[in-house]
Amino acid sequence: MRVFTEYGDDQVFVAAPSLRTDARGEVVLPAREARNPELIRGSWYWFAGADHAGRLAVQPGDGVQEVRVPACGRVVGCAFRPDGRPAAGCALCVDARQGFARTTRTAADGRFAVDGMPAQVVGVWLLTGTDLVSADARVEPGATVEVTVGSAAPGASIEGRVRIGNACVAGLFAVVGNERRQIATSDAAGAFALRGLPAGAAVFTLCLGDPLVSDNYSIRFEPVPSLAAGECRMLDFDLPRGALRALVLDAATGAPLAHAKVTAQPVADGVQQNRFPGFMFRAGWAAQTDAQGIALLRGLPEGEPCRVEVRAGNRQVAARTGEVPDAGSEPRIVELRLQAK
């Protein structure tokens, strides 16, 4: 038995120590109640035996509850890099969500096999360098399902660059979804490349800042005009030059708070939403504070009043409205102090 506690909205699952059933197949489960439901969700219970696996539909209350667990299935297949080559020696994860996942590495010919998967829809995730390619599969009890991740055909590609004036922007996630989802990260030159895409229409999203803090801020095209086989679509984004620095402190001690989640967005709706013709621009930025309690909030419309908001663990939300970003080399500091709940 494994117990996974969920942090955030389906974002992070932390495993507790394993539990073992006794000779009668019984086990005492820990309480599911979370002490801070705004951050920590209730736990998910998973059973994984030699040939059975599944999430346990346990109801709150005392007494012994009977739960029937289906037989495991097997996921096999072949994985390809975005350029169509077999994905040799790449990390691959089969994910059943709510915590349960198994990982492996692909063989020299891109083949893989993962045993012991629960009977349900699972996600298959392939990491090739900075590219992430995914596929879905339905696992049936006791059966083997074959899935292809990526494609042997080179396919189409979307490449681009992200800048703020003359400065390149690294670490932004570019995501394309059509028959499957693919993710790339902008490099030190601000460049990203999504390769091996199936021909046809697709949804393109460039996340502004850290999507694990908030995915509300983006440049989005839905759908991108149909991609032809072998086509390379080029995109170039020059973001607004406004910036702020948030300084997050403990209200009681004045100590800086690391890993606080900070967002900034214009107070008015629809600011510069047509900045990039054909795309929907949702202005704003999301970031986490560093060890000094500072988060740099970039790509904000210059001179446009913004709301800066911060959240951190079991603390009250703090916000300041009307903060105006500028395009200077040293963005001004917005101080926010967080109180315990």
Protein backbone atom coordinates (compact mmCIF):
# COMPACT_ATOMS: atom_id res chain seq x y z
CA MET A 1 0.00 0.00 0.00
CA ARG A 2 1.21 3.51 -0.80
CA VAL A 3 -0.39 6.72 0.42
CA PHE A 4 0.12 9.87 -1.69
CA THR A 5 -0.71 13.33 -0.36
CA GLU A 6 -1.56 15.96 -2.98
CA TYR A 7 0.01 19.44 -2.83
CA GLY A 8 -1.66 22.04 -5.03
CA ASP A 9 -4.01 21.29 -7.91
CA ASP A 10 -2.84 17.92 -9.27
CA GLN A 11 0.71 19.26 -9.25
CA VAL A 12 2.80 17.42 -6.67
CA PHE A 13 2.13 14.12 -4.93
CA VAL A 14 4.30 13.10 -1.97
CA ALA A 15 4.44 9.45 -0.97
CA ALA A 16 4.18 8.32 2.64
CA PRO A 17 5.96 5.15 3.85
CA SER A 18 4.55 1.92 2.43
CA LEU A 19 1.90 -0.03 4.34
CA ARG A 20 1.44 -3.80 4.16
CA THR A 21 -1.74 -5.81 4.24
CA ASP A 22 -1.95 -8.69 6.72
CA ALA A 23 -2.75 -12.36 6.00
CA ARG A 24 -6.45 -11.47 5.63
CA GLY A 25 -5.68 -8.69 3.16
CA GLU A 26 -6.52 -5.98 5.71
CA VAL A 27 -4.62 -2.79 6.52
CA VAL A 28 -5.31 0.21 8.78
CA LEU A 29 -5.24 3.41 6.73
CA PRO A 30 -4.16 6.79 8.12
CA ALA A 31 -6.67 9.66 8.17
CA ARG A 32 -7.21 11.49 4.88
CA GLU A 33 -7.99 14.88 6.34
CA ALA A 34 -5.52 17.61 5.37
CA ARG A 35 -4.50 20.23 7.92
CA ASN A 36 -4.35 22.97 5.30
CA PRO A 37 -6.91 22.19 2.57
CA GLU A 38 -6.00 25.33 0.58
CA LEU A 39 -2.57 23.83 -0.09
CA ILE A 40 -2.68 20.16 0.88
CA ARG A 41 -5.47 17.94 -0.42
CA GLY A 42 -6.60 14.66 1.11
CA SER A 43 -4.51 11.55 0.53
CA TRP A 44 -4.98 8.98 -2.24
CA TYR A 45 -4.62 5.30 -1.36
CA TRP A 46 -3.02 2.92 -3.86
CA PHE A 47 -2.57 -0.83 -3.69
CA ALA A 48 0.23 -2.39 -5.72
CA GLY A 49 0.71 -6.14 -5.44
CA ALA A 50 2.52 -8.69 -7.59
CA ASP A 51 -0.29 -8.84 -10.14
CA HIS A 52 -2.98 -6.39 -8.94
CA ALA A 53 -2.91 -2.60 -8.67
CA GLY A 54 -5.39 0.23 -8.34
CA ARG A 55 -6.58 3.23 -6.39
CA LEU A 56 -8.75 2.32 -3.42
CA ALA A 57 -12.19 3.90 -3.28
CA VAL A 58 -12.21 4.15 0.52
CA GLN A 59 -15.03 6.09 2.20
CA PRO A 60 -14.56 8.06 5.44
CA GLY A 61 -15.64 6.22 8.57
CA ASP A 62 -14.77 3.36 10.88
CA GLY A 63 -15.02 -0.35 10.26
CA VAL A 64 -13.65 -2.72 7.65
CA GLN A 65 -14.43 -1.83 4.04
CA GLU A 66 -14.07 -4.36 1.26
CA VAL A 67 -12.28 -3.05 -1.84
CA ARG A 68 -11.77 -5.10 -4.99
CA VAL A 69 -8.58 -4.37 -6.92
CA PRO A 70 -8.36 -5.31 -10.64
CA ALA A 71 -5.49 -7.26 -12.17
CA CYS A 72 -2.54 -5.25 -13.47
CA GLY A 73 -2.00 -4.52 -17.11
CA ARG A 74 1.15 -3.99 -19.15
CA VAL A 75 2.12 -1.01 -21.33
CA VAL A 76 4.54 -1.66 -24.19
CA GLY A 77 5.47 0.30 -27.27
CA CYS A 78 7.99 2.33 -29.17
CA ALA A 79 9.08 5.92 -28.59
CA PHE A 80 10.46 8.40 -31.10
CA ARG A 81 12.35 11.65 -30.79
CA PRO A 82 10.82 14.78 -32.32
CA ASP A 83 13.05 14.36 -35.41
CA GLY A 84 11.65 10.86 -36.05
CA ARG A 85 14.62 8.86 -34.74
CA PRO A 86 14.00 6.09 -32.18
CA ALA A 87 14.30 7.50 -28.66
CA ALA A 88 17.22 5.43 -27.40
CA GLY A 89 18.05 5.48 -23.69
CA CYS A 90 15.47 8.15 -22.80
CA ALA A 91 13.55 8.47 -19.55
CA LEU A 92 9.92 7.35 -19.85
CA CYS A 93 7.15 7.54 -17.25
CA VAL A 94 3.74 5.88 -17.25
CA ASP A 95 1.50 7.95 -15.00
CA ALA A 96 -1.85 6.91 -13.52
CA ARG A 97 -2.31 10.31 -11.77
CA GLN A 98 -2.96 10.94 -8.08
CA GLY A 99 0.57 9.79 -7.32
CA PHE A 100 0.94 6.34 -8.90
CA ALA A 101 3.57 6.12 -11.64
CA ARG A 102 6.27 3.81 -12.94
CA THR A 103 9.43 4.83 -14.79
CA THR A 104 11.84 3.10 -17.14
CA ARG A 105 14.34 3.83 -19.90
CA THR A 106 13.83 3.08 -23.53
CA ALA A 107 15.99 0.50 -25.32
CA ALA A 108 18.38 1.28 -28.19
CA ASP A 109 15.53 0.84 -30.70
CA GLY A 110 13.13 3.02 -28.67
CA ARG A 111 11.11 0.07 -27.37
CA PHE A 112 9.86 -0.01 -23.78
CA ALA A 113 7.76 -2.18 -21.48
CA VAL A 114 6.20 -1.22 -18.15
CA ASP A 115 4.49 -3.83 -15.98
CA GLY A 116 2.19 -3.49 -12.99
CA MET A 117 -0.02 -0.66 -14.23
CA PRO A 118 -3.57 -0.23 -12.89
CA ALA A 119 -6.50 -0.79 -15.26
CA GLN A 120 -7.41 2.77 -16.30
CA VAL A 121 -6.38 5.51 -18.71
CA VAL A 122 -2.70 6.35 -18.19
CA GLY A 123 -0.36 8.99 -19.59
CA VAL A 124 2.94 7.98 -21.18
CA TRP A 125 5.59 10.72 -20.95
CA LEU A 126 8.89 10.70 -22.86
CA LEU A 127 11.71 13.12 -21.95
CA THR A 128 14.26 13.69 -24.73
CA GLY A 129 16.62 16.45 -23.66
CA THR A 130 14.41 19.50 -23.16
CA ASP A 131 11.53 18.06 -25.21
CA LEU A 132 8.60 16.32 -23.54
CA VAL A 133 6.34 14.15 -25.70
CA SER A 134 3.21 12.43 -24.40
CA ALA A 135 0.59 9.88 -25.38
CA ASP A 136 -2.41 8.28 -23.66
CA ALA A 137 -3.30 4.61 -23.35
CA ARG A 138 -6.14 2.63 -21.78
CA VAL A 139 -4.95 -0.30 -19.70
CA GLU A 140 -7.34 -3.25 -19.33
CA PRO A 141 -7.14 -5.79 -16.46
CA GLY A 142 -4.57 -8.49 -17.21
CA ALA A 143 -4.01 -7.22 -20.77
CA THR A 144 -1.12 -5.67 -22.70
CA VAL A 145 -1.66 -2.37 -24.51
CA GLU A 146 0.62 -1.17 -27.31
CA VAL A 147 1.25 2.57 -27.62
CA THR A 148 3.43 4.71 -29.86
CA VAL A 149 4.95 7.85 -28.32
CA GLY A 150 5.92 10.40 -30.94
CA SER A 151 6.20 9.48 -34.60
CA ALA A 152 8.75 7.96 -36.98
CA ALA A 153 7.90 10.75 -39.44
CA PRO A 154 9.83 13.99 -38.83
CA GLY A 155 6.56 15.91 -38.96
CA ALA A 156 6.10 19.66 -38.72
CA SER A 157 7.78 22.01 -36.27
CA ILE A 158 7.17 25.29 -34.48
CA GLU A 159 10.27 27.26 -33.56
CA GLY A 160 10.67 30.69 -32.10
CA ARG A 161 12.37 33.13 -29.79
CA VAL A 162 11.23 35.16 -26.78
CA ARG A 163 12.75 38.55 -26.00
CA ILE A 164 12.17 41.56 -23.78
CA GLY A 165 13.77 44.31 -25.78
CA ASN A 166 17.36 43.16 -26.40
CA ALA A 167 17.28 40.63 -23.55
CA CYS A 168 16.59 36.96 -24.27
CA VAL A 169 14.13 35.17 -21.98
CA ALA A 170 15.12 31.67 -20.86
CA GLY A 171 13.10 29.04 -19.02
CA LEU A 172 9.66 29.66 -20.53
CA PHE A 173 7.49 26.68 -21.46
CA ALA A 174 6.15 26.44 -25.01
CA VAL A 175 3.38 23.86 -25.37
CA VAL A 176 1.67 22.44 -28.45
CA GLY A 177 -1.32 20.11 -28.30
CA ASN A 178 -3.03 18.31 -31.17
CA GLU A 179 -2.97 14.51 -31.38
CA ARG A 180 -0.51 14.60 -28.50
CA ARG A 181 1.09 17.20 -26.27
CA GLN A 182 4.68 18.38 -26.60
CA ILE A 183 6.59 20.80 -24.38
CA ALA A 184 9.85 22.68 -24.96
CA THR A 185 11.72 25.22 -22.83
CA SER A 186 13.33 28.41 -24.10
CA ASP A 187 17.12 28.35 -23.81
CA ALA A 188 19.65 31.05 -22.87
CA ALA A 189 19.12 32.65 -26.29
CA GLY A 190 15.35 32.69 -25.71
CA ALA A 191 14.88 30.06 -28.43
CA PHE A 192 12.47 27.13 -28.31
CA ALA A 193 11.74 24.34 -30.80
CA LEU A 194 8.79 21.95 -30.93
CA ARG A 195 9.60 19.30 -33.51
CA GLY A 196 7.97 16.17 -34.84
CA LEU A 197 4.45 17.58 -34.69
CA PRO A 198 1.65 15.82 -36.56
CA ALA A 199 0.29 17.72 -39.55
CA GLY A 200 -2.99 19.53 -38.97
CA ALA A 201 -4.38 22.10 -36.56
CA ALA A 202 -2.80 22.56 -33.13
CA VAL A 203 -3.14 24.66 -29.99
CA PHE A 204 -0.01 26.68 -29.11
CA THR A 205 0.64 28.20 -25.68
CA LEU A 206 3.64 30.10 -24.36
CA CYS A 207 3.48 30.23 -20.55
CA LEU A 208 4.67 33.50 -19.02
CA GLY A 209 6.68 32.78 -15.90
CA ASP A 210 6.36 29.64 -13.79
CA PRO A 211 3.20 27.66 -14.71
CA LEU A 212 3.42 25.78 -11.39
CA VAL A 213 2.76 29.10 -9.66
CA SER A 214 0.00 30.12 -12.08
CA ASP A 215 -0.93 29.28 -15.67
CA ASN A 216 -3.15 32.36 -16.05
CA TYR A 217 -0.58 34.33 -18.08
CA SER A 218 0.21 33.25 -21.59
CA ILE A 219 0.38 33.88 -25.31
CA ARG A 220 -2.06 31.51 -26.93
CA PHE A 221 -3.25 30.60 -30.41
CA GLU A 222 -6.17 28.17 -30.69
CA PRO A 223 -5.82 26.69 -33.14
CA VAL A 224 -2.58 27.47 -34.96
CA PRO A 225 -3.32 27.48 -38.71
CA SER A 226 -2.99 23.94 -40.01
CA LEU A 227 0.59 22.66 -40.09
CA ALA A 228 1.73 20.87 -43.24
CA ALA A 229 3.97 17.79 -43.06
CA GLY A 230 7.59 18.93 -42.91
CA GLU A 231 6.66 22.61 -42.41
CA CYS A 232 8.61 24.78 -39.95
CA ARG A 233 6.47 27.59 -38.48
CA MET A 234 8.54 30.47 -37.03
CA LEU A 235 7.28 32.62 -34.14
CA ASP A 236 8.93 35.62 -32.51
CA PHE A 237 7.65 37.33 -29.36
CA ASP A 238 8.90 40.63 -27.94
CA LEU A 239 7.28 40.97 -24.52
CA PRO A 240 6.48 44.26 -22.77
CA ARG A 241 9.47 45.73 -20.96
CA GLY A 242 7.82 46.53 -17.64
CA ALA A 243 9.10 44.76 -14.52
CA LEU A 244 8.72 44.72 -10.75
CA ARG A 245 10.58 42.97 -7.95
CA ALA A 246 8.51 41.50 -5.13
CA LEU A 247 10.17 41.25 -1.73
CA VAL A 248 8.27 38.80 0.49
CA LEU A 249 8.89 38.93 4.25
CA ASP A 250 7.54 37.27 7.36
CA ALA A 251 5.29 39.85 9.02
CA ALA A 252 6.40 38.89 12.53
CA THR A 253 10.16 38.57 12.10
CA GLY A 254 10.94 40.47 8.90
CA ALA A 255 12.82 37.43 7.59
CA PRO A 256 12.70 36.81 3.83
CA LEU A 257 10.44 33.98 2.68
CA ALA A 258 11.79 31.66 -0.01
CA HIS A 259 9.56 29.67 -2.41
CA ALA A 260 6.58 31.99 -1.98
CA LYS A 261 4.32 32.09 -5.06
CA VAL A 262 4.02 35.56 -6.56
CA THR A 263 1.88 36.82 -9.45
CA ALA A 264 1.50 40.19 -11.12
CA GLN A 265 -1.11 41.24 -13.66
CA PRO A 266 -2.65 44.48 -14.92
CA VAL A 267 -5.60 45.74 -12.90
CA ALA A 268 -7.57 46.47 -16.07
CA ASP A 269 -8.89 43.64 -18.23
CA GLY A 270 -7.59 42.94 -21.72
CA VAL A 271 -4.47 45.12 -21.55
CA GLN A 272 -2.50 44.73 -24.81
CA GLN A 273 -4.41 41.53 -25.57
CA ASN A 274 -3.85 42.09 -29.31
CA ARG A 275 -0.13 42.84 -28.97
CA PHE A 276 0.72 39.77 -31.07
CA PRO A 277 -1.51 39.62 -34.17
CA GLY A 278 -3.46 36.38 -34.35
CA PHE A 279 -2.63 35.47 -30.74
CA MET A 280 -4.40 36.12 -27.43
CA PHE A 281 -2.01 37.80 -24.98
CA ARG A 282 -2.94 37.46 -21.30
CA ALA A 283 -0.52 39.88 -19.66
CA GLY A 284 1.07 38.93 -16.36
CA TRP A 285 3.90 36.95 -14.79
CA ALA A 286 4.25 34.19 -12.20
CA ALA A 287 7.37 33.37 -10.18
CA GLN A 288 8.67 31.96 -6.91
CA THR A 289 10.83 33.90 -4.49
CA ASP A 290 14.52 33.06 -4.13
CA ALA A 291 16.48 32.60 -0.90
CA GLN A 292 16.43 36.38 -0.35
CA GLY A 293 12.64 36.43 -0.67
CA ILE A 294 12.73 38.21 -4.06
CA ALA A 295 10.77 37.32 -7.19
CA LEU A 296 11.39 39.09 -10.50
CA LEU A 297 8.14 39.79 -12.34
CA ARG A 298 8.85 40.51 -16.01
CA GLY A 299 6.99 41.07 -19.27
CA LEU A 300 4.51 43.51 -17.73
CA PRO A 301 2.98 46.37 -19.74
CA GLU A 302 4.96 49.52 -18.94
CA GLY A 303 3.08 52.20 -17.03
CA GLU A 304 0.04 49.97 -16.49
CA PRO A 305 -1.11 49.63 -12.82
CA CYS A 306 -0.79 46.02 -11.66
CA ARG A 307 -1.95 43.84 -8.81
CA VAL A 308 0.85 41.91 -7.10
CA GLU A 309 -0.28 38.92 -5.01
CA VAL A 310 1.67 36.40 -2.96
CA ARG A 311 0.80 33.05 -1.37
CA ALA A 312 2.98 30.91 0.85
CA GLY A 313 2.00 27.78 2.73
CA ASN A 314 -0.14 28.24 5.82
CA ARG A 315 -0.16 32.04 5.63
CA GLN A 316 -2.66 34.70 4.72
CA VAL A 317 -2.65 35.94 1.13
CA ALA A 318 -1.07 39.37 0.72
CA ALA A 319 -1.56 41.73 -2.21
CA ARG A 320 -0.86 45.27 -3.37
CA THR A 321 -2.83 46.96 -6.12
CA GLY A 322 -1.80 49.88 -8.31
CA GLU A 323 1.89 49.01 -8.56
CA VAL A 324 3.24 50.45 -11.82
CA PRO A 325 6.06 48.56 -13.57
CA ASP A 326 8.79 50.43 -15.43
CA ALA A 327 11.34 49.47 -18.05
CA GLY A 328 14.44 50.42 -16.06
CA SER A 329 17.42 48.14 -15.53
CA GLU A 330 16.69 48.01 -11.79
CA PRO A 331 12.96 47.26 -11.30
CA ARG A 332 11.60 48.85 -8.17
CA ILE A 333 10.80 46.67 -5.17
CA VAL A 334 7.28 45.94 -3.95
CA GLU A 335 7.37 44.74 -0.35
CA LEU A 336 4.74 42.27 0.88
CA ARG A 337 4.57 40.91 4.42
CA LEU A 338 2.81 37.62 5.12
CA GLN A 339 1.06 36.83 8.38
CA ALA A 340 0.39 33.37 9.74
CA LYS A 341 -3.25 32.23 9.63
